Amino acid sequence: MKNMTLYCYLILSSLSIPGQASLVNGDFSNGANGWSVSSFGGGDPANFYSIASNAGDAYLKFDTDLYIQGLQALTFKQTLLISAENALFSADIKVFAPTNDSTGNGGNLFQGDVITFSAQAPAIGSKPFGAVYEISRYFDSATPGGQGIGIITPLSGGFFDFNITADLSAFIGQMTAINLNLLPDDDHKRSSYGIDNVQLSAVPLPAALPLYVMGLALLRFTVKQRV
């Protein structure tokens, strides 16, 4: 009986325990510190990103540059343990007007330079959140023909054009890589993106409610058994 009471307590209290890990430097105020930067294909990764500023606020800027030297992918990554306290991903996105890149304006919806966001864990695999293309076309879980587990919301009246959120509850208990990716079209034309306010926060209460209900039910059962 004592063990059952302890089990009930752990279920309830685990929902209020501070996160076991946190994403760092999501506002890029410390440059690229805390992020692992890698690339696939040609060129030095440092040629395709910078830490820019908007009215004094730092943000990550991806830029395919005029000559991308065969770059196929640029990735900013952090790996951390996901819990109920940090299972909601969010980030703001800026799409700069293409300097000379009209790729993707044709009939192919999946052409052109693109930034994507994803989570990956060995036991689960990789799950994309969504994608934003250079001409401000985007795909998420709610877009016909799109894919991913995220929701992309257009913004207005500010510097950023979109906000992306994704529920990572499927990754709870897993060491998970959070990836910000630039995938250029390798057409030697230029497009640029801004990313900022990358954060992981607690899952909203409705998503955690079943655990509360189960914990309370077990606790009530234990109390009845004692009476």
C-alpha atoms as a PDB file:
ATOM      1  CA  MET A   1       0.000   0.000   0.000  1.00  0.00           C
ATOM      2  CA  LYS A   2       2.855   2.341   0.812  1.00  0.00           C
ATOM      3  CA  ASN A   3       4.328   1.723  -2.634  1.00  0.00           C
ATOM      4  CA  MET A   4       1.000   2.533  -4.284  1.00  0.00           C
ATOM      5  CA  THR A   5       0.827   5.857  -2.432  1.00  0.00           C
ATOM      6  CA  LEU A   6       4.365   6.684  -3.533  1.00  0.00           C
ATOM      7  CA  TYR A   7       3.479   5.828  -7.130  1.00  0.00           C
ATOM      8  CA  CYS A   8       0.478   8.174  -7.030  1.00  0.00           C
ATOM      9  CA  TYR A   9       2.644  10.944  -5.629  1.00  0.00           C
ATOM     10  CA  LEU A  10       5.268  10.526  -8.326  1.00  0.00           C
ATOM     11  CA  ILE A  11       2.675  10.759 -11.097  1.00  0.00           C
ATOM     12  CA  LEU A  12       1.243  13.976  -9.700  1.00  0.00           C
ATOM     13  CA  SER A  13       4.476  15.627  -8.668  1.00  0.00           C
ATOM     14  CA  SER A  14       6.337  14.843 -11.889  1.00  0.00           C
ATOM     15  CA  LEU A  15       4.122  17.353 -13.672  1.00  0.00           C
ATOM     16  CA  SER A  16       5.482  20.202 -11.552  1.00  0.00           C
ATOM     17  CA  ILE A  17       9.149  19.183 -11.379  1.00  0.00           C
ATOM     18  CA  PRO A  18      11.371  21.773 -13.111  1.00  0.00           C
ATOM     19  CA  GLY A  19      12.557  20.753 -16.557  1.00  0.00           C
ATOM     20  CA  GLN A  20      15.429  18.302 -16.552  1.00  0.00           C
ATOM     21  CA  ALA A  21      17.018  20.142 -19.473  1.00  0.00           C
ATOM     22  CA  SER A  22      16.542  23.435 -21.217  1.00  0.00           C
ATOM     23  CA  LEU A  23      17.339  24.824 -24.614  1.00  0.00           C
ATOM     24  CA  VAL A  24      20.016  27.515 -24.313  1.00  0.00           C
ATOM     25  CA  ASN A  25      20.639  30.723 -26.231  1.00  0.00           C
ATOM     26  CA  GLY A  26      17.410  30.510 -28.198  1.00  0.00           C
ATOM     27  CA  ASP A  27      17.517  34.285 -28.651  1.00  0.00           C
ATOM     28  CA  PHE A  28      21.070  34.136 -30.072  1.00  0.00           C
ATOM     29  CA  SER A  29      22.187  36.926 -27.744  1.00  0.00           C
ATOM     30  CA  ASN A  30      25.380  34.908 -27.225  1.00  0.00           C
ATOM     31  CA  GLY A  31      26.006  34.310 -30.892  1.00  0.00           C
ATOM     32  CA  ALA A  32      25.946  30.641 -31.854  1.00  0.00           C
ATOM     33  CA  ASN A  33      27.039  29.458 -28.379  1.00  0.00           C
ATOM     34  CA  GLY A  34      25.167  26.361 -27.256  1.00  0.00           C
ATOM     35  CA  TRP A  35      24.357  25.302 -30.798  1.00  0.00           C
ATOM     36  CA  SER A  36      26.116  22.612 -32.790  1.00  0.00           C
ATOM     37  CA  VAL A  37      26.619  23.837 -36.368  1.00  0.00           C
ATOM     38  CA  SER A  38      27.140  21.396 -39.223  1.00  0.00           C
ATOM     39  CA  SER A  39      26.725  21.270 -42.981  1.00  0.00           C
ATOM     40  CA  PHE A  40      26.458  18.786 -45.797  1.00  0.00           C
ATOM     41  CA  GLY A  41      27.910  19.516 -49.206  1.00  0.00           C
ATOM     42  CA  GLY A  42      30.447  22.128 -50.189  1.00  0.00           C
ATOM     43  CA  GLY A  43      31.516  25.330 -48.512  1.00  0.00           C
ATOM     44  CA  ASP A  44      32.311  26.523 -45.012  1.00  0.00           C
ATOM     45  CA  PRO A  45      29.158  26.561 -42.788  1.00  0.00           C
ATOM     46  CA  ALA A  46      30.213  29.985 -41.479  1.00  0.00           C
ATOM     47  CA  ASN A  47      29.609  31.429 -44.951  1.00  0.00           C
ATOM     48  CA  PHE A  48      25.901  30.738 -44.746  1.00  0.00           C
ATOM     49  CA  TYR A  49      24.842  32.141 -41.385  1.00  0.00           C
ATOM     50  CA  SER A  50      25.432  35.180 -39.214  1.00  0.00           C
ATOM     51  CA  ILE A  51      24.090  36.697 -36.010  1.00  0.00           C
ATOM     52  CA  ALA A  52      22.246  39.798 -37.153  1.00  0.00           C
ATOM     53  CA  SER A  53      20.400  42.504 -35.224  1.00  0.00           C
ATOM     54  CA  ASN A  54      16.941  44.013 -35.399  1.00  0.00           C
ATOM     55  CA  ALA A  55      16.708  47.176 -33.303  1.00  0.00           C
ATOM     56  CA  GLY A  56      19.318  45.737 -30.950  1.00  0.00           C
ATOM     57  CA  ASP A  57      17.769  42.275 -30.717  1.00  0.00           C
ATOM     58  CA  ALA A  58      19.990  39.478 -32.010  1.00  0.00           C
ATOM     59  CA  TYR A  59      18.658  36.788 -34.329  1.00  0.00           C
ATOM     60  CA  LEU A  60      20.072  33.961 -36.428  1.00  0.00           C
ATOM     61  CA  LYS A  61      20.255  34.769 -40.136  1.00  0.00           C
ATOM     62  CA  PHE A  62      20.526  32.027 -42.743  1.00  0.00           C
ATOM     63  CA  ASP A  63      21.734  33.259 -46.140  1.00  0.00           C
ATOM     64  CA  THR A  64      22.323  31.067 -49.197  1.00  0.00           C
ATOM     65  CA  ASP A  65      24.617  33.796 -50.602  1.00  0.00           C
ATOM     66  CA  LEU A  66      25.125  34.319 -54.341  1.00  0.00           C
ATOM     67  CA  TYR A  67      27.328  31.240 -54.712  1.00  0.00           C
ATOM     68  CA  ILE A  68      26.501  28.430 -52.340  1.00  0.00           C
ATOM     69  CA  GLN A  69      29.471  26.224 -53.295  1.00  0.00           C
ATOM     70  CA  GLY A  70      27.431  23.044 -53.449  1.00  0.00           C
ATOM     71  CA  LEU A  71      25.910  23.429 -49.956  1.00  0.00           C
ATOM     72  CA  GLN A  72      23.020  21.006 -49.523  1.00  0.00           C
ATOM     73  CA  ALA A  73      22.156  21.482 -45.857  1.00  0.00           C
ATOM     74  CA  LEU A  74      23.122  23.691 -42.921  1.00  0.00           C
ATOM     75  CA  THR A  75      21.940  22.639 -39.462  1.00  0.00           C
ATOM     76  CA  PHE A  76      21.862  24.291 -36.046  1.00  0.00           C
ATOM     77  CA  LYS A  77      21.246  21.621 -33.400  1.00  0.00           C
ATOM     78  CA  GLN A  78      20.816  21.170 -29.662  1.00  0.00           C
ATOM     79  CA  THR A  79      20.309  17.786 -27.987  1.00  0.00           C
ATOM     80  CA  LEU A  80      18.433  17.606 -24.694  1.00  0.00           C
ATOM     81  CA  LEU A  81      16.071  15.488 -22.620  1.00  0.00           C
ATOM     82  CA  ILE A  82      12.417  16.236 -23.322  1.00  0.00           C
ATOM     83  CA  SER A  83       9.963  16.273 -20.418  1.00  0.00           C
ATOM     84  CA  ALA A  84       6.443  17.639 -19.909  1.00  0.00           C
ATOM     85  CA  GLU A  85       8.098  20.871 -18.812  1.00  0.00           C
ATOM     86  CA  ASN A  86       9.864  21.521 -22.125  1.00  0.00           C
ATOM     87  CA  ALA A  87       7.843  19.672 -24.762  1.00  0.00           C
ATOM     88  CA  LEU A  88       6.367  22.668 -26.578  1.00  0.00           C
ATOM     89  CA  PHE A  89       8.626  24.088 -29.288  1.00  0.00           C
ATOM     90  CA  SER A  90       8.244  27.649 -30.572  1.00  0.00           C
ATOM     91  CA  ALA A  91      10.233  29.962 -32.862  1.00  0.00           C
ATOM     92  CA  ASP A  92       9.769  33.125 -34.924  1.00  0.00           C
ATOM     93  CA  ILE A  93      10.702  33.267 -38.615  1.00  0.00           C
ATOM     94  CA  LYS A  94      11.569  36.090 -40.997  1.00  0.00           C
ATOM     95  CA  VAL A  95      11.618  35.604 -44.778  1.00  0.00           C
ATOM     96  CA  PHE A  96      13.643  38.289 -46.522  1.00  0.00           C
ATOM     97  CA  ALA A  97      12.611  39.200 -50.057  1.00  0.00           C
ATOM     98  CA  PRO A  98      14.732  37.100 -52.450  1.00  0.00           C
ATOM     99  CA  THR A  99      17.507  39.246 -53.912  1.00  0.00           C
ATOM    100  CA  ASN A 100      17.509  37.482 -57.242  1.00  0.00           C
ATOM    101  CA  ASP A 101      15.898  34.114 -56.635  1.00  0.00           C
ATOM    102  CA  SER A 102      12.557  33.495 -58.270  1.00  0.00           C
ATOM    103  CA  THR A 103      12.862  29.720 -58.037  1.00  0.00           C
ATOM    104  CA  GLY A 104       9.659  28.204 -56.711  1.00  0.00           C
ATOM    105  CA  ASN A 105       7.311  30.734 -58.294  1.00  0.00           C
ATOM    106  CA  GLY A 106       6.329  28.125 -60.875  1.00  0.00           C
ATOM    107  CA  GLY A 107       4.000  25.177 -60.585  1.00  0.00           C
ATOM    108  CA  ASN A 108       6.261  23.053 -58.356  1.00  0.00           C
ATOM    109  CA  LEU A 109       5.221  23.758 -54.767  1.00  0.00           C
ATOM    110  CA  PHE A 110       8.373  22.185 -53.356  1.00  0.00           C
ATOM    111  CA  GLN A 111      10.989  24.114 -55.334  1.00  0.00           C
ATOM    112  CA  GLY A 112      13.323  26.757 -54.012  1.00  0.00           C
ATOM    113  CA  ASP A 113      15.394  27.367 -50.903  1.00  0.00           C
ATOM    114  CA  VAL A 114      13.679  26.339 -47.683  1.00  0.00           C
ATOM    115  CA  ILE A 115      14.141  26.276 -43.919  1.00  0.00           C
ATOM    116  CA  THR A 116      12.786  23.348 -41.939  1.00  0.00           C
ATOM    117  CA  PHE A 117      12.478  22.450 -38.259  1.00  0.00           C
ATOM    118  CA  SER A 118      12.536  18.945 -36.803  1.00  0.00           C
ATOM    119  CA  ALA A 119      13.075  16.758 -33.745  1.00  0.00           C
ATOM    120  CA  GLN A 120      14.890  13.443 -33.762  1.00  0.00           C
ATOM    121  CA  ALA A 121      15.401  10.676 -31.194  1.00  0.00           C
ATOM    122  CA  PRO A 122      16.797   7.158 -31.765  1.00  0.00           C
ATOM    123  CA  ALA A 123      13.704   5.409 -30.407  1.00  0.00           C
ATOM    124  CA  ILE A 124      11.258   7.551 -32.369  1.00  0.00           C
ATOM    125  CA  GLY A 125      13.037   8.714 -35.495  1.00  0.00           C
ATOM    126  CA  SER A 126      12.753  12.158 -37.058  1.00  0.00           C
ATOM    127  CA  LYS A 127       9.566  14.225 -37.072  1.00  0.00           C
ATOM    128  CA  PRO A 128       9.428  17.451 -39.104  1.00  0.00           C
ATOM    129  CA  PHE A 129       7.556  20.424 -37.654  1.00  0.00           C
ATOM    130  CA  GLY A 130       7.049  22.296 -40.917  1.00  0.00           C
ATOM    131  CA  ALA A 131       8.819  24.197 -43.680  1.00  0.00           C
ATOM    132  CA  VAL A 132       8.957  27.804 -44.918  1.00  0.00           C
ATOM    133  CA  TYR A 133      10.035  28.457 -48.503  1.00  0.00           C
ATOM    134  CA  GLU A 134      11.823  31.509 -49.847  1.00  0.00           C
ATOM    135  CA  ILE A 135       8.702  33.017 -51.372  1.00  0.00           C
ATOM    136  CA  SER A 136       6.812  32.799 -48.055  1.00  0.00           C
ATOM    137  CA  ARG A 137       4.994  29.590 -48.974  1.00  0.00           C
ATOM    138  CA  TYR A 138       4.812  27.292 -45.967  1.00  0.00           C
ATOM    139  CA  PHE A 139       3.747  23.760 -45.086  1.00  0.00           C
ATOM    140  CA  ASP A 140       2.748  22.348 -41.722  1.00  0.00           C
ATOM    141  CA  SER A 141       0.430  19.726 -40.230  1.00  0.00           C
ATOM    142  CA  ALA A 142      -2.646  21.760 -41.196  1.00  0.00           C
ATOM    143  CA  THR A 143      -1.653  22.503 -44.804  1.00  0.00           C
ATOM    144  CA  PRO A 144      -3.134  20.367 -47.597  1.00  0.00           C
ATOM    145  CA  GLY A 145      -0.217  18.489 -49.108  1.00  0.00           C
ATOM    146  CA  GLY A 146       2.000  19.535 -46.238  1.00  0.00           C
ATOM    147  CA  GLN A 147       3.538  17.385 -43.579  1.00  0.00           C
ATOM    148  CA  GLY A 148       4.876  17.659 -40.061  1.00  0.00           C
ATOM    149  CA  ILE A 149       3.667  17.923 -36.494  1.00  0.00           C
ATOM    150  CA  GLY A 150       3.895  21.705 -36.204  1.00  0.00           C
ATOM    151  CA  ILE A 151       1.614  24.668 -36.769  1.00  0.00           C
ATOM    152  CA  ILE A 152       2.888  27.735 -38.656  1.00  0.00           C
ATOM    153  CA  THR A 153       1.031  30.989 -38.016  1.00  0.00           C
ATOM    154  CA  PRO A 154       1.502  34.086 -40.203  1.00  0.00           C
ATOM    155  CA  LEU A 155       2.327  37.224 -38.217  1.00  0.00           C
ATOM    156  CA  SER A 156       1.671  40.857 -39.091  1.00  0.00           C
ATOM    157  CA  GLY A 157       2.787  44.239 -37.862  1.00  0.00           C
ATOM    158  CA  GLY A 158       6.258  43.241 -36.734  1.00  0.00           C
ATOM    159  CA  PHE A 159       9.667  42.164 -37.937  1.00  0.00           C
ATOM    160  CA  PHE A 160       8.895  38.438 -38.093  1.00  0.00           C
ATOM    161  CA  ASP A 161       6.590  36.883 -40.686  1.00  0.00           C
ATOM    162  CA  PHE A 162       5.724  33.556 -39.059  1.00  0.00           C
ATOM    163  CA  ASN A 163       5.621  31.726 -35.740  1.00  0.00           C
ATOM    164  CA  ILE A 164       6.012  27.950 -35.609  1.00  0.00           C
ATOM    165  CA  THR A 165       4.974  25.725 -32.716  1.00  0.00           C
ATOM    166  CA  ALA A 166       5.192  21.951 -32.286  1.00  0.00           C
ATOM    167  CA  ASP A 167       4.061  19.609 -29.515  1.00  0.00           C
ATOM    168  CA  LEU A 168       6.926  17.234 -28.703  1.00  0.00           C
ATOM    169  CA  SER A 169       4.997  15.099 -26.216  1.00  0.00           C
ATOM    170  CA  ALA A 170       5.890  11.994 -28.249  1.00  0.00           C
ATOM    171  CA  PHE A 171       9.536  12.640 -27.328  1.00  0.00           C
ATOM    172  CA  ILE A 172       9.042  12.885 -23.552  1.00  0.00           C
ATOM    173  CA  GLY A 173      11.717  10.845 -21.794  1.00  0.00           C
ATOM    174  CA  GLN A 174      13.951  10.808 -24.875  1.00  0.00           C
ATOM    175  CA  MET A 175      17.257  12.514 -25.550  1.00  0.00           C
ATOM    176  CA  THR A 176      16.156  14.548 -28.549  1.00  0.00           C
ATOM    177  CA  ALA A 177      17.926  16.622 -31.170  1.00  0.00           C
ATOM    178  CA  ILE A 178      16.193  19.896 -32.058  1.00  0.00           C
ATOM    179  CA  ASN A 179      17.216  20.894 -35.589  1.00  0.00           C
ATOM    180  CA  LEU A 180      16.996  24.203 -37.461  1.00  0.00           C
ATOM    181  CA  ASN A 181      17.833  23.493 -41.107  1.00  0.00           C
ATOM    182  CA  LEU A 182      18.629  25.531 -44.205  1.00  0.00           C
ATOM    183  CA  LEU A 183      18.159  23.501 -47.401  1.00  0.00           C
ATOM    184  CA  PRO A 184      19.279  25.520 -50.415  1.00  0.00           C
ATOM    185  CA  ASP A 185      18.135  24.699 -53.927  1.00  0.00           C
ATOM    186  CA  ASP A 186      21.730  24.797 -55.240  1.00  0.00           C
ATOM    187  CA  ASP A 187      20.766  27.161 -58.047  1.00  0.00           C
ATOM    188  CA  HIS A 188      23.407  29.822 -57.240  1.00  0.00           C
ATOM    189  CA  LYS A 189      20.714  32.322 -56.354  1.00  0.00           C
ATOM    190  CA  ARG A 190      20.222  34.048 -53.055  1.00  0.00           C
ATOM    191  CA  SER A 191      17.588  34.004 -50.331  1.00  0.00           C
ATOM    192  CA  SER A 192      17.737  34.810 -46.617  1.00  0.00           C
ATOM    193  CA  TYR A 193      15.851  33.915 -43.451  1.00  0.00           C
ATOM    194  CA  GLY A 194      15.821  35.073 -39.846  1.00  0.00           C
ATOM    195  CA  ILE A 195      15.128  32.794 -36.855  1.00  0.00           C
ATOM    196  CA  ASP A 196      14.702  33.969 -33.269  1.00  0.00           C
ATOM    197  CA  ASN A 197      13.031  33.310 -29.931  1.00  0.00           C
ATOM    198  CA  VAL A 198      13.601  29.559 -30.176  1.00  0.00           C
ATOM    199  CA  GLN A 199      12.294  28.055 -26.972  1.00  0.00           C
ATOM    200  CA  LEU A 200      10.903  24.957 -25.308  1.00  0.00           C
ATOM    201  CA  SER A 201       8.188  25.435 -22.717  1.00  0.00           C
ATOM    202  CA  ALA A 202       5.724  23.362 -20.689  1.00  0.00           C
ATOM    203  CA  VAL A 203       3.004  21.385 -22.394  1.00  0.00           C
ATOM    204  CA  PRO A 204      -0.352  23.149 -21.862  1.00  0.00           C
ATOM    205  CA  LEU A 205      -2.489  21.698 -19.079  1.00  0.00           C
ATOM    206  CA  PRO A 206      -5.050  19.975 -21.352  1.00  0.00           C
ATOM    207  CA  ALA A 207      -2.270  17.808 -22.807  1.00  0.00           C
ATOM    208  CA  ALA A 208      -1.061  16.841 -19.319  1.00  0.00           C
ATOM    209  CA  LEU A 209      -4.549  16.415 -17.837  1.00  0.00           C
ATOM    210  CA  PRO A 210      -4.755  12.613 -18.353  1.00  0.00           C
ATOM    211  CA  LEU A 211      -1.749  12.172 -16.047  1.00  0.00           C
ATOM    212  CA  TYR A 212      -3.418  14.287 -13.373  1.00  0.00           C
ATOM    213  CA  VAL A 213      -6.624  12.260 -13.665  1.00  0.00           C
ATOM    214  CA  MET A 214      -4.780   8.943 -13.440  1.00  0.00           C
ATOM    215  CA  GLY A 215      -2.785  10.112 -10.435  1.00  0.00           C
ATOM    216  CA  LEU A 216      -5.838  11.370  -8.605  1.00  0.00           C
ATOM    217  CA  ALA A 217      -7.748   8.173  -9.351  1.00  0.00           C
ATOM    218  CA  LEU A 218      -4.942   6.012  -7.978  1.00  0.00           C
ATOM    219  CA  LEU A 219      -4.605   8.205  -4.915  1.00  0.00           C
ATOM    220  CA  ARG A 220      -8.346   7.989  -4.241  1.00  0.00           C
ATOM    221  CA  PHE A 221      -8.212   4.198  -4.588  1.00  0.00           C
ATOM    222  CA  THR A 222      -5.316   4.015  -2.142  1.00  0.00           C
ATOM    223  CA  VAL A 223      -7.148   6.133   0.436  1.00  0.00           C
ATOM    224  CA  LYS A 224     -10.257   3.953   0.163  1.00  0.00           C
ATOM    225  CA  GLN A 225      -8.183   0.839   0.734  1.00  0.00           C
ATOM    226  CA  ARG A 226      -6.871   2.323   3.981  1.00  0.00           C
ATOM    227  CA  VAL A 227     -10.362   3.093   5.334  1.00  0.00           C
END
